[in-house]
Amino acid sequence: MEELIARVTARTGLDAATAQTAIGHILAFLQKEGPAAEVNQLIAAMPGSESLIADSNGAEGGGGLMGMLGGMMGGGVMALGQKLMSAGVPMGQMQPLGHELFAYGREKAGEDVMGPIVGSIPGLNQFV
């Protein structure tokens, strides 16, 4: 996981703690919204991802105004974007973050795992 965090910080300029939190939010989102078999394969191919997901799920609370707005918009990618902004990821860094995370996922788990994940979640392709 350290390699992925380093790649994300180099690509986005985010600090390591923010990158780690953002990766956890994205992986938790994929686990919730994506096809279970492929997401489980991705998580298995990325040691340390389980703890980031657990941290992300544990941090979910009321969500404040951003959480309410995400919920009003039906969740999905919009809600993920709100979570990332709340975690300190500027809007302009979400796409580079997604690109790096999904490139890493393709390297570790393969396109046969990543393709169905991206294809199954509406709107996700604009971030990867």
C-alpha atoms as a PDB file:
ATOM      1  CA  MET A   1       0.000   0.000   0.000  1.00  0.00           C
ATOM      2  CA  GLU A   2       2.949   2.316   0.624  1.00  0.00           C
ATOM      3  CA  GLU A   3       3.813   2.196  -3.089  1.00  0.00           C
ATOM      4  CA  LEU A   4       0.295   3.273  -4.067  1.00  0.00           C
ATOM      5  CA  ILE A   5       0.236   6.067  -1.490  1.00  0.00           C
ATOM      6  CA  ALA A   6       3.609   7.310  -2.755  1.00  0.00           C
ATOM      7  CA  ARG A   7       2.384   7.251  -6.352  1.00  0.00           C
ATOM      8  CA  VAL A   8      -0.790   9.130  -5.463  1.00  0.00           C
ATOM      9  CA  THR A   9       1.093  11.789  -3.488  1.00  0.00           C
ATOM     10  CA  ALA A  10       3.580  12.245  -6.343  1.00  0.00           C
ATOM     11  CA  ARG A  11       0.809  12.552  -8.934  1.00  0.00           C
ATOM     12  CA  THR A  12      -1.597  14.747  -6.958  1.00  0.00           C
ATOM     13  CA  GLY A  13       0.508  16.693  -4.476  1.00  0.00           C
ATOM     14  CA  LEU A  14      -1.683  15.432  -1.619  1.00  0.00           C
ATOM     15  CA  ASP A  15       0.015  14.613   1.668  1.00  0.00           C
ATOM     16  CA  ALA A  16       0.321  10.929   2.551  1.00  0.00           C
ATOM     17  CA  ALA A  17      -2.413  10.978   5.218  1.00  0.00           C
ATOM     18  CA  THR A  18      -4.928  12.595   2.862  1.00  0.00           C
ATOM     19  CA  ALA A  19      -3.974  10.194   0.061  1.00  0.00           C
ATOM     20  CA  GLN A  20      -4.412   7.229   2.389  1.00  0.00           C
ATOM     21  CA  THR A  21      -7.833   8.451   3.530  1.00  0.00           C
ATOM     22  CA  ALA A  22      -8.918   9.110  -0.050  1.00  0.00           C
ATOM     23  CA  ILE A  23      -7.806   5.660  -1.213  1.00  0.00           C
ATOM     24  CA  GLY A  24      -9.772   4.119   1.667  1.00  0.00           C
ATOM     25  CA  HIS A  25     -12.897   6.068   0.693  1.00  0.00           C
ATOM     26  CA  ILE A  26     -12.596   4.997  -2.943  1.00  0.00           C
ATOM     27  CA  LEU A  27     -12.022   1.338  -2.090  1.00  0.00           C
ATOM     28  CA  ALA A  28     -14.941   1.366   0.380  1.00  0.00           C
ATOM     29  CA  PHE A  29     -17.101   2.915  -2.342  1.00  0.00           C
ATOM     30  CA  LEU A  30     -16.053   0.224  -4.828  1.00  0.00           C
ATOM     31  CA  GLN A  31     -16.794  -2.455  -2.247  1.00  0.00           C
ATOM     32  CA  LYS A  32     -20.284  -1.028  -1.735  1.00  0.00           C
ATOM     33  CA  GLU A  33     -21.171  -0.199  -5.349  1.00  0.00           C
ATOM     34  CA  GLY A  34     -19.093  -2.534  -7.524  1.00  0.00           C
ATOM     35  CA  PRO A  35     -19.407  -6.190  -8.512  1.00  0.00           C
ATOM     36  CA  ALA A  36     -18.458  -8.229  -5.456  1.00  0.00           C
ATOM     37  CA  ALA A  37     -16.303 -10.866  -7.174  1.00  0.00           C
ATOM     38  CA  GLU A  38     -14.093  -8.351  -8.991  1.00  0.00           C
ATOM     39  CA  VAL A  39     -13.851  -5.927  -6.075  1.00  0.00           C
ATOM     40  CA  ASN A  40     -12.830  -8.787  -3.780  1.00  0.00           C
ATOM     41  CA  GLN A  41     -10.130  -9.770  -6.278  1.00  0.00           C
ATOM     42  CA  LEU A  42      -8.882  -6.171  -6.386  1.00  0.00           C
ATOM     43  CA  ILE A  43      -8.766  -5.937  -2.593  1.00  0.00           C
ATOM     44  CA  ALA A  44      -6.936  -9.261  -2.369  1.00  0.00           C
ATOM     45  CA  ALA A  45      -4.356  -7.998  -4.888  1.00  0.00           C
ATOM     46  CA  MET A  46      -3.692  -4.861  -2.824  1.00  0.00           C
ATOM     47  CA  PRO A  47      -2.355  -5.832   0.617  1.00  0.00           C
ATOM     48  CA  GLY A  48      -3.324  -3.298   3.249  1.00  0.00           C
ATOM     49  CA  SER A  49      -6.487  -2.218   1.469  1.00  0.00           C
ATOM     50  CA  GLU A  50      -8.720  -3.943   4.027  1.00  0.00           C
ATOM     51  CA  SER A  51      -7.494  -1.704   6.827  1.00  0.00           C
ATOM     52  CA  LEU A  52      -7.992   1.434   4.712  1.00  0.00           C
ATOM     53  CA  ILE A  53     -11.553   0.337   3.967  1.00  0.00           C
ATOM     54  CA  ALA A  54     -12.187  -0.380   7.657  1.00  0.00           C
ATOM     55  CA  ASP A  55     -10.831   3.063   8.577  1.00  0.00           C
ATOM     56  CA  SER A  56     -13.046   4.680   5.942  1.00  0.00           C
ATOM     57  CA  ASN A  57     -16.149   2.807   7.087  1.00  0.00           C
ATOM     58  CA  GLY A  58     -15.344   3.623  10.712  1.00  0.00           C
ATOM     59  CA  ALA A  59     -15.023   7.315   9.891  1.00  0.00           C
ATOM     60  CA  GLU A  60     -18.488   7.452   8.381  1.00  0.00           C
ATOM     61  CA  GLY A  61     -20.746   9.405  10.607  1.00  0.00           C
ATOM     62  CA  GLY A  62     -23.397  11.983   9.993  1.00  0.00           C
ATOM     63  CA  GLY A  63     -21.377  13.455   7.168  1.00  0.00           C
ATOM     64  CA  GLY A  64     -22.574  16.975   7.857  1.00  0.00           C
ATOM     65  CA  LEU A  65     -23.776  19.149   4.994  1.00  0.00           C
ATOM     66  CA  MET A  66     -21.569  17.391   2.432  1.00  0.00           C
ATOM     67  CA  GLY A  67     -22.939  13.991   3.407  1.00  0.00           C
ATOM     68  CA  MET A  68     -26.481  15.308   3.237  1.00  0.00           C
ATOM     69  CA  LEU A  69     -25.867  16.772  -0.224  1.00  0.00           C
ATOM     70  CA  GLY A  70     -24.353  13.505  -1.428  1.00  0.00           C
ATOM     71  CA  GLY A  71     -27.344  11.626  -0.061  1.00  0.00           C
ATOM     72  CA  MET A  72     -29.763  14.022  -1.749  1.00  0.00           C
ATOM     73  CA  MET A  73     -27.987  13.434  -5.049  1.00  0.00           C
ATOM     74  CA  GLY A  74     -28.617   9.724  -4.712  1.00  0.00           C
ATOM     75  CA  GLY A  75     -25.190   8.702  -3.502  1.00  0.00           C
ATOM     76  CA  GLY A  76     -23.000   7.082  -6.113  1.00  0.00           C
ATOM     77  CA  VAL A  77     -20.037   8.897  -7.581  1.00  0.00           C
ATOM     78  CA  MET A  78     -21.374  12.289  -6.424  1.00  0.00           C
ATOM     79  CA  ALA A  79     -21.421  11.129  -2.809  1.00  0.00           C
ATOM     80  CA  LEU A  80     -17.894   9.772  -3.209  1.00  0.00           C
ATOM     81  CA  GLY A  81     -16.771  13.133  -4.573  1.00  0.00           C
ATOM     82  CA  GLN A  82     -18.255  14.867  -1.548  1.00  0.00           C
ATOM     83  CA  LYS A  83     -16.458  12.454   0.791  1.00  0.00           C
ATOM     84  CA  LEU A  84     -13.165  13.072  -0.984  1.00  0.00           C
ATOM     85  CA  MET A  85     -13.623  16.847  -0.782  1.00  0.00           C
ATOM     86  CA  SER A  86     -14.424  16.538   2.926  1.00  0.00           C
ATOM     87  CA  ALA A  87     -11.209  14.522   3.341  1.00  0.00           C
ATOM     88  CA  GLY A  88      -9.191  17.360   1.797  1.00  0.00           C
ATOM     89  CA  VAL A  89      -8.977  16.289  -1.852  1.00  0.00           C
ATOM     90  CA  PRO A  90      -9.526  19.300  -4.131  1.00  0.00           C
ATOM     91  CA  MET A  91     -11.886  18.758  -7.065  1.00  0.00           C
ATOM     92  CA  GLY A  92      -9.000  19.152  -9.510  1.00  0.00           C
ATOM     93  CA  GLN A  93      -7.095  16.277  -7.908  1.00  0.00           C
ATOM     94  CA  MET A  94      -9.901  13.711  -7.975  1.00  0.00           C
ATOM     95  CA  GLN A  95      -9.295  12.641 -11.555  1.00  0.00           C
ATOM     96  CA  PRO A  96      -5.499  12.242 -11.158  1.00  0.00           C
ATOM     97  CA  LEU A  97      -6.153  10.339  -7.917  1.00  0.00           C
ATOM     98  CA  GLY A  98      -8.582   8.020  -9.690  1.00  0.00           C
ATOM     99  CA  HIS A  99      -6.249   7.553 -12.649  1.00  0.00           C
ATOM    100  CA  GLU A 100      -3.371   6.533 -10.387  1.00  0.00           C
ATOM    101  CA  LEU A 101      -5.462   4.229  -8.199  1.00  0.00           C
ATOM    102  CA  PHE A 102      -7.008   2.443 -11.166  1.00  0.00           C
ATOM    103  CA  ALA A 103      -3.676   2.172 -13.005  1.00  0.00           C
ATOM    104  CA  TYR A 104      -2.249   0.547  -9.874  1.00  0.00           C
ATOM    105  CA  GLY A 105      -5.285  -1.742  -9.689  1.00  0.00           C
ATOM    106  CA  ARG A 106      -4.761  -2.786 -13.299  1.00  0.00           C
ATOM    107  CA  GLU A 107      -1.097  -3.559 -12.572  1.00  0.00           C
ATOM    108  CA  LYS A 108      -1.938  -5.643  -9.500  1.00  0.00           C
ATOM    109  CA  ALA A 109      -5.259  -7.290 -10.432  1.00  0.00           C
ATOM    110  CA  GLY A 110      -5.455  -6.972 -14.230  1.00  0.00           C
ATOM    111  CA  GLU A 111      -7.850  -5.413 -16.696  1.00  0.00           C
ATOM    112  CA  ASP A 112     -10.205  -8.394 -16.443  1.00  0.00           C
ATOM    113  CA  VAL A 113     -10.866  -7.329 -12.845  1.00  0.00           C
ATOM    114  CA  MET A 114     -10.820  -3.546 -13.301  1.00  0.00           C
ATOM    115  CA  GLY A 115     -12.897  -3.398 -16.488  1.00  0.00           C
ATOM    116  CA  PRO A 116     -16.075  -4.846 -14.944  1.00  0.00           C
ATOM    117  CA  ILE A 117     -15.676  -2.599 -11.875  1.00  0.00           C
ATOM    118  CA  VAL A 118     -15.461   0.567 -13.965  1.00  0.00           C
ATOM    119  CA  GLY A 119     -18.212  -0.610 -16.312  1.00  0.00           C
ATOM    120  CA  SER A 120     -20.671  -1.392 -13.550  1.00  0.00           C
ATOM    121  CA  ILE A 121     -20.657   1.939 -11.683  1.00  0.00           C
ATOM    122  CA  PRO A 122     -22.359   4.824 -13.511  1.00  0.00           C
ATOM    123  CA  GLY A 123     -20.156   7.896 -13.842  1.00  0.00           C
ATOM    124  CA  LEU A 124     -16.994   6.225 -12.556  1.00  0.00           C
ATOM    125  CA  ASN A 125     -15.315   6.152 -15.967  1.00  0.00           C
ATOM    126  CA  GLN A 126     -14.842   9.931 -15.891  1.00  0.00           C
ATOM    127  CA  PHE A 127     -12.449   9.546 -12.954  1.00  0.00           C
ATOM    128  CA  VAL A 128     -10.394   6.626 -14.209  1.00  0.00           C
END
